């Protein structure tokens, strides 16, 4: 029996698979951005996006690509260690951990 959760997870897995091969074609490095927020009932969420440059096939032109890597409800503590583990787990799941080279954090 197909459920909405099954279909959502299947679509997520397919998009992750496509994203993995797309990001491997990046010219140079990949930039990751993250944002975390809470809704009114104080449920926390984390979003990770990626931005990279690809070469347009058959030309010398470059194209900026971007994708949502993860959208995750954070139920764990908001300690730096816990958040680092969550981010690494999500990047591992997307298959892009090896594309991470530098880190910078900013709290707004």
PDB file of N, CA and C in Angstrom:
ATOM      1  N   UNK A   1       0.838  -1.183   0.000  1.00  0.00           N
ATOM      2  CA  UNK A   1       0.000   0.000   0.000  1.00  0.00           C
ATOM      3  C   UNK A   1       0.883   1.247   0.000  1.00  0.00           C
ATOM      4  N   UNK A   2       0.613   2.158  -0.907  1.00  0.00           N
ATOM      5  CA  UNK A   2       1.376   3.400  -0.975  1.00  0.00           C
ATOM      6  C   UNK A   2       0.847   4.385   0.050  1.00  0.00           C
ATOM      7  N   UNK A   3       1.756   4.938   0.810  1.00  0.00           N
ATOM      8  CA  UNK A   3       1.381   5.984   1.755  1.00  0.00           C
ATOM      9  C   UNK A   3       2.072   7.268   1.335  1.00  0.00           C
ATOM     10  N   UNK A   4       1.589   8.389   1.839  1.00  0.00           N
ATOM     11  CA  UNK A   4       2.202   9.667   1.525  1.00  0.00           C
ATOM     12  C   UNK A   4       3.644   9.697   2.013  1.00  0.00           C
ATOM     13  N   UNK A   5       3.897   9.116   3.183  1.00  0.00           N
ATOM     14  CA  UNK A   5       5.262   9.085   3.720  1.00  0.00           C
ATOM     15  C   UNK A   5       6.171   8.277   2.793  1.00  0.00           C
ATOM     16  N   UNK A   6       5.692   7.121   2.307  1.00  0.00           N
ATOM     17  CA  UNK A   6       6.497   6.283   1.408  1.00  0.00           C
ATOM     18  C   UNK A   6       6.804   7.028   0.113  1.00  0.00           C
ATOM     19  N   UNK A   7       5.783   7.661  -0.470  1.00  0.00           N
ATOM     20  CA  UNK A   7       5.976   8.403  -1.715  1.00  0.00           C
ATOM     21  C   UNK A   7       6.940   9.560  -1.487  1.00  0.00           C
ATOM     22  N   UNK A   8       6.797  10.283  -0.370  1.00  0.00           N
ATOM     23  CA  UNK A   8       7.689  11.405  -0.062  1.00  0.00           C
ATOM     24  C   UNK A   8       9.126  10.930   0.084  1.00  0.00           C
ATOM     25  N   UNK A   9       9.339   9.839   0.812  1.00  0.00           N
ATOM     26  CA  UNK A   9      10.688   9.319   0.998  1.00  0.00           C
ATOM     27  C   UNK A   9      11.276   8.830  -0.315  1.00  0.00           C
ATOM     28  N   UNK A  10      10.452   8.197  -1.144  1.00  0.00           N
ATOM     29  CA  UNK A  10      10.924   7.726  -2.443  1.00  0.00           C
ATOM     30  C   UNK A  10      11.329   8.903  -3.325  1.00  0.00           C
ATOM     31  N   UNK A  11      10.508   9.940  -3.357  1.00  0.00           N
ATOM     32  CA  UNK A  11      10.844  11.127  -4.139  1.00  0.00           C
ATOM     33  C   UNK A  11      12.100  11.795  -3.595  1.00  0.00           C
ATOM     34  N   UNK A  12      12.250  11.820  -2.251  1.00  0.00           N
ATOM     35  CA  UNK A  12      13.460  12.402  -1.644  1.00  0.00           C
ATOM     36  C   UNK A  12      14.682  11.602  -2.056  1.00  0.00           C
ATOM     37  N   UNK A  13      14.601  10.279  -2.019  1.00  0.00           N
ATOM     38  CA  UNK A  13      15.730   9.440  -2.409  1.00  0.00           C
ATOM     39  C   UNK A  13      16.096   9.649  -3.877  1.00  0.00           C
ATOM     40  N   UNK A  14      15.082   9.766  -4.756  1.00  0.00           N
ATOM     41  CA  UNK A  14      15.347  10.003  -6.169  1.00  0.00           C
ATOM     42  C   UNK A  14      15.989  11.363  -6.394  1.00  0.00           C
ATOM     43  N   UNK A  15      15.486  12.395  -5.691  1.00  0.00           N
ATOM     44  CA  UNK A  15      16.072  13.721  -5.869  1.00  0.00           C
ATOM     45  C   UNK A  15      17.476  13.768  -5.284  1.00  0.00           C
ATOM     46  N   UNK A  16      17.733  13.045  -4.187  1.00  0.00           N
ATOM     47  CA  UNK A  16      19.073  12.986  -3.604  1.00  0.00           C
ATOM     48  C   UNK A  16      20.037  12.310  -4.570  1.00  0.00           C
ATOM     49  N   UNK A  17      19.579  11.251  -5.229  1.00  0.00           N
ATOM     50  CA  UNK A  17      20.396  10.528  -6.207  1.00  0.00           C
ATOM     51  C   UNK A  17      20.767  11.457  -7.362  1.00  0.00           C
ATOM     52  N   UNK A  18      19.774  12.181  -7.880  1.00  0.00           N
ATOM     53  CA  UNK A  18      20.007  13.119  -8.970  1.00  0.00           C
ATOM     54  C   UNK A  18      20.950  14.230  -8.515  1.00  0.00           C
ATOM     55  N   UNK A  19      20.724  14.764  -7.317  1.00  0.00           N
ATOM     56  CA  UNK A  19      21.564  15.827  -6.770  1.00  0.00           C
ATOM     57  C   UNK A  19      23.002  15.371  -6.626  1.00  0.00           C
ATOM     58  N   UNK A  20      23.215  14.146  -6.161  1.00  0.00           N
ATOM     59  CA  UNK A  20      24.569  13.616  -5.967  1.00  0.00           C
ATOM     60  C   UNK A  20      25.355  13.675  -7.275  1.00  0.00           C
ATOM     61  N   UNK A  21      24.766  13.220  -8.374  1.00  0.00           N
ATOM     62  CA  UNK A  21      25.471  13.220  -9.648  1.00  0.00           C
ATOM     63  C   UNK A  21      25.617  14.620 -10.223  1.00  0.00           C
ATOM     64  N   UNK A  22      24.664  15.470  -9.953  1.00  0.00           N
ATOM     65  CA  UNK A  22      24.732  16.845 -10.427  1.00  0.00           C
ATOM     66  C   UNK A  22      25.879  17.592  -9.742  1.00  0.00           C
ATOM     67  N   UNK A  23      26.006  17.426  -8.445  1.00  0.00           N
ATOM     68  CA  UNK A  23      27.011  18.165  -7.689  1.00  0.00           C
ATOM     69  C   UNK A  23      28.422  17.644  -7.969  1.00  0.00           C
ATOM     70  N   UNK A  24      28.537  16.392  -8.384  1.00  0.00           N
ATOM     71  CA  UNK A  24      29.853  15.848  -8.725  1.00  0.00           C
ATOM     72  C   UNK A  24      30.433  16.525  -9.962  1.00  0.00           C
ATOM     73  N   UNK A  25      29.570  17.119 -10.787  1.00  0.00           N
ATOM     74  CA  UNK A  25      30.016  17.800 -12.004  1.00  0.00           C
ATOM     75  C   UNK A  25      30.384  19.255 -11.742  1.00  0.00           C
ATOM     76  N   UNK A  26      30.404  19.667 -10.495  1.00  0.00           N
ATOM     77  CA  UNK A  26      30.705  21.058 -10.159  1.00  0.00           C
ATOM     78  C   UNK A  26      32.106  21.434 -10.617  1.00  0.00           C
ATOM     79  N   UNK A  27      32.213  22.630 -11.171  1.00  0.00           N
ATOM     80  CA  UNK A  27      33.512  23.189 -11.533  1.00  0.00           C
ATOM     81  C   UNK A  27      34.010  23.904 -10.276  1.00  0.00           C
ATOM     82  N   UNK A  28      35.020  23.356  -9.623  1.00  0.00           N
ATOM     83  CA  UNK A  28      35.502  23.971  -8.388  1.00  0.00           C
ATOM     84  C   UNK A  28      34.759  23.458  -7.173  1.00  0.00           C
ATOM     85  N   UNK A  29      34.613  24.336  -6.202  1.00  0.00           N
ATOM     86  CA  UNK A  29      34.051  23.942  -4.915  1.00  0.00           C
ATOM     87  C   UNK A  29      32.553  24.196  -4.848  1.00  0.00           C
ATOM     88  N   UNK A  30      31.933  23.666  -3.812  1.00  0.00           N
ATOM     89  CA  UNK A  30      30.508  23.824  -3.562  1.00  0.00           C
ATOM     90  C   UNK A  30      30.343  24.617  -2.279  1.00  0.00           C
ATOM     91  N   UNK A  31      29.456  25.592  -2.293  1.00  0.00           N
ATOM     92  CA  UNK A  31      29.163  26.375  -1.091  1.00  0.00           C
ATOM     93  C   UNK A  31      27.881  25.856  -0.460  1.00  0.00           C
ATOM     94  N   UNK A  32      27.912  25.698   0.846  1.00  0.00           N
ATOM     95  CA  UNK A  32      26.736  25.269   1.590  1.00  0.00           C
ATOM     96  C   UNK A  32      26.301  26.398   2.518  1.00  0.00           C
ATOM     97  N   UNK A  33      24.997  26.616   2.589  1.00  0.00           N
ATOM     98  CA  UNK A  33      24.450  27.576   3.539  1.00  0.00           C
ATOM     99  C   UNK A  33      23.433  26.857   4.402  1.00  0.00           C
ATOM    100  N   UNK A  34      23.307  27.326   5.627  1.00  0.00           N
ATOM    101  CA  UNK A  34      22.374  26.702   6.569  1.00  0.00           C
ATOM    102  C   UNK A  34      21.609  27.774   7.316  1.00  0.00           C
ATOM    103  N   UNK A  35      20.385  27.457   7.654  1.00  0.00           N
ATOM    104  CA  UNK A  35      19.581  28.344   8.479  1.00  0.00           C
ATOM    105  C   UNK A  35      18.737  27.478   9.394  1.00  0.00           C
ATOM    106  N   UNK A  36      18.550  27.957  10.600  1.00  0.00           N
ATOM    107  CA  UNK A  36      17.757  27.213  11.583  1.00  0.00           C
ATOM    108  C   UNK A  36      16.769  28.179  12.217  1.00  0.00           C
ATOM    109  N   UNK A  37      15.544  27.723  12.422  1.00  0.00           N
ATOM    110  CA  UNK A  37      14.519  28.560  13.023  1.00  0.00           C
ATOM    111  C   UNK A  37      13.523  27.692  13.757  1.00  0.00           C
ATOM    112  N   UNK A  38      12.638  28.353  14.508  1.00  0.00           N
ATOM    113  CA  UNK A  38      11.575  27.661  15.250  1.00  0.00           C
ATOM    114  C   UNK A  38      10.236  28.254  14.856  1.00  0.00           C
ATOM    115  N   UNK A  39       9.211  27.398  14.832  1.00  0.00           N
ATOM    116  CA  UNK A  39       7.867  27.893  14.583  1.00  0.00           C
ATOM    117  C   UNK A  39       7.226  28.305  15.916  1.00  0.00           C
ATOM    118  N   UNK A  40       5.964  28.690  15.901  1.00  0.00           N
ATOM    119  CA  UNK A  40       5.317  29.178  17.127  1.00  0.00           C
ATOM    120  C   UNK A  40       5.270  28.140  18.247  1.00  0.00           C
ATOM    121  N   UNK A  41       5.025  26.842  17.949  1.00  0.00           N
ATOM    122  CA  UNK A  41       5.067  25.849  19.038  1.00  0.00           C
ATOM    123  C   UNK A  41       6.500  25.473  19.448  1.00  0.00           C
ATOM    124  N   UNK A  42       7.493  26.224  18.934  1.00  0.00           N
ATOM    125  CA  UNK A  42       8.909  26.023  19.259  1.00  0.00           C
ATOM    126  C   UNK A  42       9.471  24.692  18.758  1.00  0.00           C
ATOM    127  N   UNK A  43       9.007  24.258  17.598  1.00  0.00           N
ATOM    128  CA  UNK A  43       9.624  23.126  16.911  1.00  0.00           C
ATOM    129  C   UNK A  43      10.722  23.711  16.028  1.00  0.00           C
ATOM    130  N   UNK A  44      11.926  23.170  16.132  1.00  0.00           N
ATOM    131  CA  UNK A  44      13.070  23.717  15.400  1.00  0.00           C
ATOM    132  C   UNK A  44      13.283  22.988  14.081  1.00  0.00           C
ATOM    133  N   UNK A  45      13.696  23.748  13.071  1.00  0.00           N
ATOM    134  CA  UNK A  45      13.962  23.203  11.745  1.00  0.00           C
ATOM    135  C   UNK A  45      15.298  23.726  11.236  1.00  0.00           C
ATOM    136  N   UNK A  46      15.954  22.904  10.421  1.00  0.00           N
ATOM    137  CA  UNK A  46      17.236  23.247   9.828  1.00  0.00           C
ATOM    138  C   UNK A  46      17.142  23.006   8.328  1.00  0.00           C
ATOM    139  N   UNK A  47      17.563  23.987   7.541  1.00  0.00           N
ATOM    140  CA  UNK A  47      17.618  23.840   6.088  1.00  0.00           C
ATOM    141  C   UNK A  47      19.067  24.016   5.645  1.00  0.00           C
ATOM    142  N   UNK A  48      19.497  23.176   4.717  1.00  0.00           N
ATOM    143  CA  UNK A  48      20.833  23.272   4.132  1.00  0.00           C
ATOM    144  C   UNK A  48      20.669  23.393   2.627  1.00  0.00           C
ATOM    145  N   UNK A  49      21.303  24.402   2.047  1.00  0.00           N
ATOM    146  CA  UNK A  49      21.289  24.572   0.599  1.00  0.00           C
ATOM    147  C   UNK A  49      22.711  24.493   0.064  1.00  0.00           C
ATOM    148  N   UNK A  50      22.832  24.158  -1.205  1.00  0.00           N
ATOM    149  CA  UNK A  50      24.135  24.091  -1.865  1.00  0.00           C
ATOM    150  C   UNK A  50      24.094  24.966  -3.107  1.00  0.00           C
ATOM    151  N   UNK A  51      25.238  25.584  -3.419  1.00  0.00           N
ATOM    152  CA  UNK A  51      25.381  26.434  -4.590  1.00  0.00           C
ATOM    153  C   UNK A  51      26.700  26.066  -5.254  1.00  0.00           C
ATOM    154  N   UNK A  52      26.686  25.868  -6.567  1.00  0.00           N
ATOM    155  CA  UNK A  52      27.898  25.490  -7.275  1.00  0.00           C
ATOM    156  C   UNK A  52      27.797  25.918  -8.735  1.00  0.00           C
ATOM    157  N   UNK A  53      28.937  25.901  -9.403  1.00  0.00           N
ATOM    158  CA  UNK A  53      29.024  26.297 -10.805  1.00  0.00           C
ATOM    159  C   UNK A  53      29.213  25.045 -11.661  1.00  0.00           C
ATOM    160  N   UNK A  54      28.462  24.971 -12.766  1.00  0.00           N
ATOM    161  CA  UNK A  54      28.658  23.900 -13.745  1.00  0.00           C
ATOM    162  C   UNK A  54      28.935  24.542 -15.106  1.00  0.00           C
ATOM    163  N   UNK A  55      29.503  23.752 -15.985  1.00  0.00           N
ATOM    164  CA  UNK A  55      29.766  24.219 -17.347  1.00  0.00           C
ATOM    165  C   UNK A  55      28.580  23.807 -18.226  1.00  0.00           C
ATOM    166  N   UNK A  56      28.103  24.753 -19.032  1.00  0.00           N
ATOM    167  CA  UNK A  56      27.011  24.466 -19.961  1.00  0.00           C
ATOM    168  C   UNK A  56      27.575  23.586 -21.070  1.00  0.00           C
ATOM    169  N   UNK A  57      26.944  22.419 -21.278  1.00  0.00           N
ATOM    170  CA  UNK A  57      27.455  21.452 -22.271  1.00  0.00           C
ATOM    171  C   UNK A  57      27.604  22.083 -23.648  1.00  0.00           C
ATOM    172  N   UNK A  58      28.758  21.810 -24.271  1.00  0.00           N
ATOM    173  CA  UNK A  58      29.008  22.275 -25.622  1.00  0.00           C
ATOM    174  C   UNK A  58      29.428  23.732 -25.724  1.00  0.00           C
ATOM    175  N   UNK A  59      29.608  24.405 -24.575  1.00  0.00           N
ATOM    176  CA  UNK A  59      30.010  25.815 -24.604  1.00  0.00           C
ATOM    177  C   UNK A  59      31.076  26.054 -23.535  1.00  0.00           C
ATOM    178  N   UNK A  60      31.569  27.265 -23.497  1.00  0.00           N
ATOM    179  CA  UNK A  60      32.485  27.664 -22.430  1.00  0.00           C
ATOM    180  C   UNK A  60      31.749  28.396 -21.310  1.00  0.00           C
ATOM    181  N   UNK A  61      30.434  28.522 -21.446  1.00  0.00           N
ATOM    182  CA  UNK A  61      29.627  29.256 -20.465  1.00  0.00           C
ATOM    183  C   UNK A  61      29.516  28.490 -19.153  1.00  0.00           C
ATOM    184  N   UNK A  62      29.381  29.247 -18.085  1.00  0.00           N
ATOM    185  CA  UNK A  62      29.192  28.680 -16.748  1.00  0.00           C
ATOM    186  C   UNK A  62      27.789  28.993 -16.266  1.00  0.00           C
ATOM    187  N   UNK A  63      27.271  28.124 -15.390  1.00  0.00           N
ATOM    188  CA  UNK A  63      25.907  28.267 -14.895  1.00  0.00           C
ATOM    189  C   UNK A  63      25.894  28.047 -13.387  1.00  0.00           C
ATOM    190  N   UNK A  64      25.212  28.938 -12.669  1.00  0.00           N
ATOM    191  CA  UNK A  64      25.070  28.784 -11.217  1.00  0.00           C
ATOM    192  C   UNK A  64      23.931  27.819 -10.922  1.00  0.00           C
ATOM    193  N   UNK A  65      24.240  26.761 -10.199  1.00  0.00           N
ATOM    194  CA  UNK A  65      23.239  25.773  -9.792  1.00  0.00           C
ATOM    195  C   UNK A  65      22.991  25.924  -8.293  1.00  0.00           C
ATOM    196  N   UNK A  66      21.817  25.549  -7.851  1.00  0.00           N
ATOM    197  CA  UNK A  66      21.523  25.549  -6.424  1.00  0.00           C
ATOM    198  C   UNK A  66      20.487  24.479  -6.119  1.00  0.00           C
ATOM    199  N   UNK A  67      20.537  23.969  -4.896  1.00  0.00           N
ATOM    200  CA  UNK A  67      19.591  22.920  -4.515  1.00  0.00           C
ATOM    201  C   UNK A  67      19.410  22.902  -3.007  1.00  0.00           C
ATOM    202  N   UNK A  68      18.243  22.468  -2.594  1.00  0.00           N
ATOM    203  CA  UNK A  68      17.986  22.216  -1.183  1.00  0.00           C
ATOM    204  C   UNK A  68      18.559  20.845  -0.868  1.00  0.00           C
ATOM    205  N   UNK A  69      19.542  20.799   0.015  1.00  0.00           N
ATOM    206  CA  UNK A  69      20.194  19.540   0.377  1.00  0.00           C
ATOM    207  C   UNK A  69      19.388  18.824   1.444  1.00  0.00           C
ATOM    208  N   UNK A  70      18.886  19.571   2.414  1.00  0.00           N
ATOM    209  CA  UNK A  70      18.149  18.940   3.515  1.00  0.00           C
ATOM    210  C   UNK A  70      17.200  19.942   4.148  1.00  0.00           C
ATOM    211  N   UNK A  71      16.074  19.428   4.612  1.00  0.00           N
ATOM    212  CA  UNK A  71      15.133  20.168   5.442  1.00  0.00           C
ATOM    213  C   UNK A  71      14.798  19.219   6.579  1.00  0.00           C
ATOM    214  N   UNK A  72      15.205  19.574   7.781  1.00  0.00           N
ATOM    215  CA  UNK A  72      15.208  18.606   8.878  1.00  0.00           C
ATOM    216  C   UNK A  72      14.630  19.220  10.144  1.00  0.00           C
ATOM    217  N   UNK A  73      13.735  18.486  10.802  1.00  0.00           N
ATOM    218  CA  UNK A  73      13.255  18.928  12.111  1.00  0.00           C
ATOM    219  C   UNK A  73      14.296  18.534  13.151  1.00  0.00           C
ATOM    220  N   UNK A  74      14.737  19.497  13.938  1.00  0.00           N
ATOM    221  CA  UNK A  74      15.771  19.272  14.948  1.00  0.00           C
ATOM    222  C   UNK A  74      15.091  19.019  16.286  1.00  0.00           C
ATOM    223  N   UNK A  75      15.176  17.774  16.742  1.00  0.00           N
ATOM    224  CA  UNK A  75      14.585  17.406  18.033  1.00  0.00           C
ATOM    225  C   UNK A  75      15.649  17.321  19.128  1.00  0.00           C
ATOM    226  N   UNK A  76      16.912  17.269  18.718  1.00  0.00           N
ATOM    227  CA  UNK A  76      18.014  17.158  19.656  1.00  0.00           C
ATOM    228  C   UNK A  76      18.315  18.508  20.295  1.00  0.00           C
ATOM    229  N   UNK A  77      19.202  18.491  21.292  1.00  0.00           N
ATOM    230  CA  UNK A  77      19.664  19.728  21.909  1.00  0.00           C
ATOM    231  C   UNK A  77      20.342  20.604  20.872  1.00  0.00           C
ATOM    232  N   UNK A  78      20.353  21.903  21.108  1.00  0.00           N
ATOM    233  CA  UNK A  78      20.960  22.842  20.172  1.00  0.00           C
ATOM    234  C   UNK A  78      22.396  23.195  20.560  1.00  0.00           C
ATOM    235  N   UNK A  79      23.121  22.217  21.041  1.00  0.00           N
ATOM    236  CA  UNK A  79      24.532  22.441  21.359  1.00  0.00           C
ATOM    237  C   UNK A  79      25.332  22.403  20.064  1.00  0.00           C
ATOM    238  N   UNK A  80      26.522  22.989  20.076  1.00  0.00           N
ATOM    239  CA  UNK A  80      27.342  22.993  18.867  1.00  0.00           C
ATOM    240  C   UNK A  80      27.688  21.573  18.437  1.00  0.00           C
ATOM    241  N   UNK A  81      27.962  20.690  19.395  1.00  0.00           N
ATOM    242  CA  UNK A  81      28.301  19.300  19.067  1.00  0.00           C
ATOM    243  C   UNK A  81      27.117  18.583  18.433  1.00  0.00           C
ATOM    244  N   UNK A  82      25.950  18.767  19.005  1.00  0.00           N
ATOM    245  CA  UNK A  82      24.748  18.121  18.472  1.00  0.00           C
ATOM    246  C   UNK A  82      24.429  18.621  17.068  1.00  0.00           C
ATOM    247  N   UNK A  83      24.494  19.940  16.859  1.00  0.00           N
ATOM    248  CA  UNK A  83      24.205  20.507  15.537  1.00  0.00           C
ATOM    249  C   UNK A  83      25.243  20.075  14.509  1.00  0.00           C
ATOM    250  N   UNK A  84      26.503  20.000  14.901  1.00  0.00           N
ATOM    251  CA  UNK A  84      27.553  19.534  13.981  1.00  0.00           C
ATOM    252  C   UNK A  84      27.285  18.096  13.549  1.00  0.00           C
ATOM    253  N   UNK A  85      26.881  17.256  14.496  1.00  0.00           N
ATOM    254  CA  UNK A  85      26.563  15.860  14.165  1.00  0.00           C
ATOM    255  C   UNK A  85      25.371  15.769  13.219  1.00  0.00           C
ATOM    256  N   UNK A  86      24.358  16.597  13.446  1.00  0.00           N
ATOM    257  CA  UNK A  86      23.177  16.601  12.578  1.00  0.00           C
ATOM    258  C   UNK A  86      23.567  17.016  11.163  1.00  0.00           C
ATOM    259  N   UNK A  87      24.327  18.106  11.051  1.00  0.00           N
ATOM    260  CA  UNK A  87      24.726  18.608   9.739  1.00  0.00           C
ATOM    261  C   UNK A  87      25.567  17.568   9.001  1.00  0.00           C
ATOM    262  N   UNK A  88      26.536  16.975   9.680  1.00  0.00           N
ATOM    263  CA  UNK A  88      27.363  15.954   9.031  1.00  0.00           C
ATOM    264  C   UNK A  88      26.538  14.747   8.596  1.00  0.00           C
ATOM    265  N   UNK A  89      25.579  14.345   9.414  1.00  0.00           N
ATOM    266  CA  UNK A  89      24.711  13.213   9.053  1.00  0.00           C
ATOM    267  C   UNK A  89      23.881  13.552   7.811  1.00  0.00           C
ATOM    268  N   UNK A  90      23.356  14.778   7.739  1.00  0.00           N
ATOM    269  CA  UNK A  90      22.550  15.182   6.578  1.00  0.00           C
ATOM    270  C   UNK A  90      23.407  15.308   5.318  1.00  0.00           C
ATOM    271  N   UNK A  91      24.622  15.832   5.454  1.00  0.00           N
ATOM    272  CA  UNK A  91      25.521  15.927   4.299  1.00  0.00           C
ATOM    273  C   UNK A  91      25.966  14.539   3.844  1.00  0.00           C
ATOM    274  N   UNK A  92      26.203  13.639   4.801  1.00  0.00           N
ATOM    275  CA  UNK A  92      26.530  12.249   4.455  1.00  0.00           C
ATOM    276  C   UNK A  92      25.389  11.613   3.673  1.00  0.00           C
ATOM    277  N   UNK A  93      24.167  11.823   4.151  1.00  0.00           N
ATOM    278  CA  UNK A  93      23.002  11.225   3.493  1.00  0.00           C
ATOM    279  C   UNK A  93      22.870  11.726   2.056  1.00  0.00           C
ATOM    280  N   UNK A  94      23.228  13.001   1.845  1.00  0.00           N
ATOM    281  CA  UNK A  94      23.165  13.558   0.495  1.00  0.00           C
ATOM    282  C   UNK A  94      24.383  13.179  -0.342  1.00  0.00           C
ATOM    283  N   UNK A  95      25.384  12.565   0.291  1.00  0.00           N
ATOM    284  CA  UNK A  95      26.568  12.120  -0.429  1.00  0.00           C
ATOM    285  C   UNK A  95      27.515  13.236  -0.823  1.00  0.00           C
ATOM    286  N   UNK A  96      27.521  14.327  -0.064  1.00  0.00           N
ATOM    287  CA  UNK A  96      28.345  15.479  -0.440  1.00  0.00           C
ATOM    288  C   UNK A  96      29.338  15.900   0.644  1.00  0.00           C
ATOM    289  N   UNK A  97      29.547  15.086   1.637  1.00  0.00           N
ATOM    290  CA  UNK A  97      30.439  15.450   2.743  1.00  0.00           C
ATOM    291  C   UNK A  97      31.841  15.780   2.249  1.00  0.00           C
ATOM    292  N   UNK A  98      32.330  15.062   1.250  1.00  0.00           N
ATOM    293  CA  UNK A  98      33.678  15.299   0.750  1.00  0.00           C
ATOM    294  C   UNK A  98      33.817  16.630   0.028  1.00  0.00           C
ATOM    295  N   UNK A  99      32.693  17.272  -0.313  1.00  0.00           N
ATOM    296  CA  UNK A  99      32.737  18.572  -0.977  1.00  0.00           C
ATOM    297  C   UNK A  99      32.912  19.717   0.027  1.00  0.00           C
ATOM    298  N   UNK A 100      32.822  19.418   1.325  1.00  0.00           N
ATOM    299  CA  UNK A 100      32.951  20.451   2.361  1.00  0.00           C
ATOM    300  C   UNK A 100      34.427  20.669   2.642  1.00  0.00           C
ATOM    301  N   UNK A 101      34.888  21.919   2.516  1.00  0.00           N
ATOM    302  CA  UNK A 101      36.304  22.206   2.734  1.00  0.00           C
ATOM    303  C   UNK A 101      36.525  23.218   3.849  1.00  0.00           C
ATOM    304  N   UNK A 102      35.706  24.220   3.939  1.00  0.00           N
ATOM    305  CA  UNK A 102      35.877  25.276   4.935  1.00  0.00           C
ATOM    306  C   UNK A 102      34.566  25.463   5.671  1.00  0.00           C
ATOM    307  N   UNK A 103      34.676  26.027   6.856  1.00  0.00           N
ATOM    308  CA  UNK A 103      33.457  26.309   7.593  1.00  0.00           C
ATOM    309  C   UNK A 103      33.475  27.741   8.082  1.00  0.00           C
ATOM    310  N   UNK A 104      32.295  28.326   8.166  1.00  0.00           N
ATOM    311  CA  UNK A 104      32.124  29.669   8.684  1.00  0.00           C
ATOM    312  C   UNK A 104      30.766  29.700   9.320  1.00  0.00           C
ATOM    313  N   UNK A 105      30.663  30.256  10.497  1.00  0.00           N
ATOM    314  CA  UNK A 105      29.342  30.335  11.119  1.00  0.00           C
ATOM    315  C   UNK A 105      29.057  31.761  11.523  1.00  0.00           C
ATOM    316  N   UNK A 106      27.792  32.092  11.457  1.00  0.00           N
ATOM    317  CA  UNK A 106      27.330  33.414  11.833  1.00  0.00           C
ATOM    318  C   UNK A 106      25.994  33.265  12.524  1.00  0.00           C
ATOM    319  N   UNK A 107      25.830  33.870  13.648  1.00  0.00           N
ATOM    320  CA  UNK A 107      24.553  33.819  14.361  1.00  0.00           C
ATOM    321  C   UNK A 107      23.882  35.182  14.243  1.00  0.00           C
ATOM    322  N   UNK A 108      22.715  35.198  13.628  1.00  0.00           N
ATOM    323  CA  UNK A 108      21.972  36.456  13.480  1.00  0.00           C
ATOM    324  C   UNK A 108      20.866  36.542  14.488  1.00  0.00           C
TER     325      UNK A 108
END
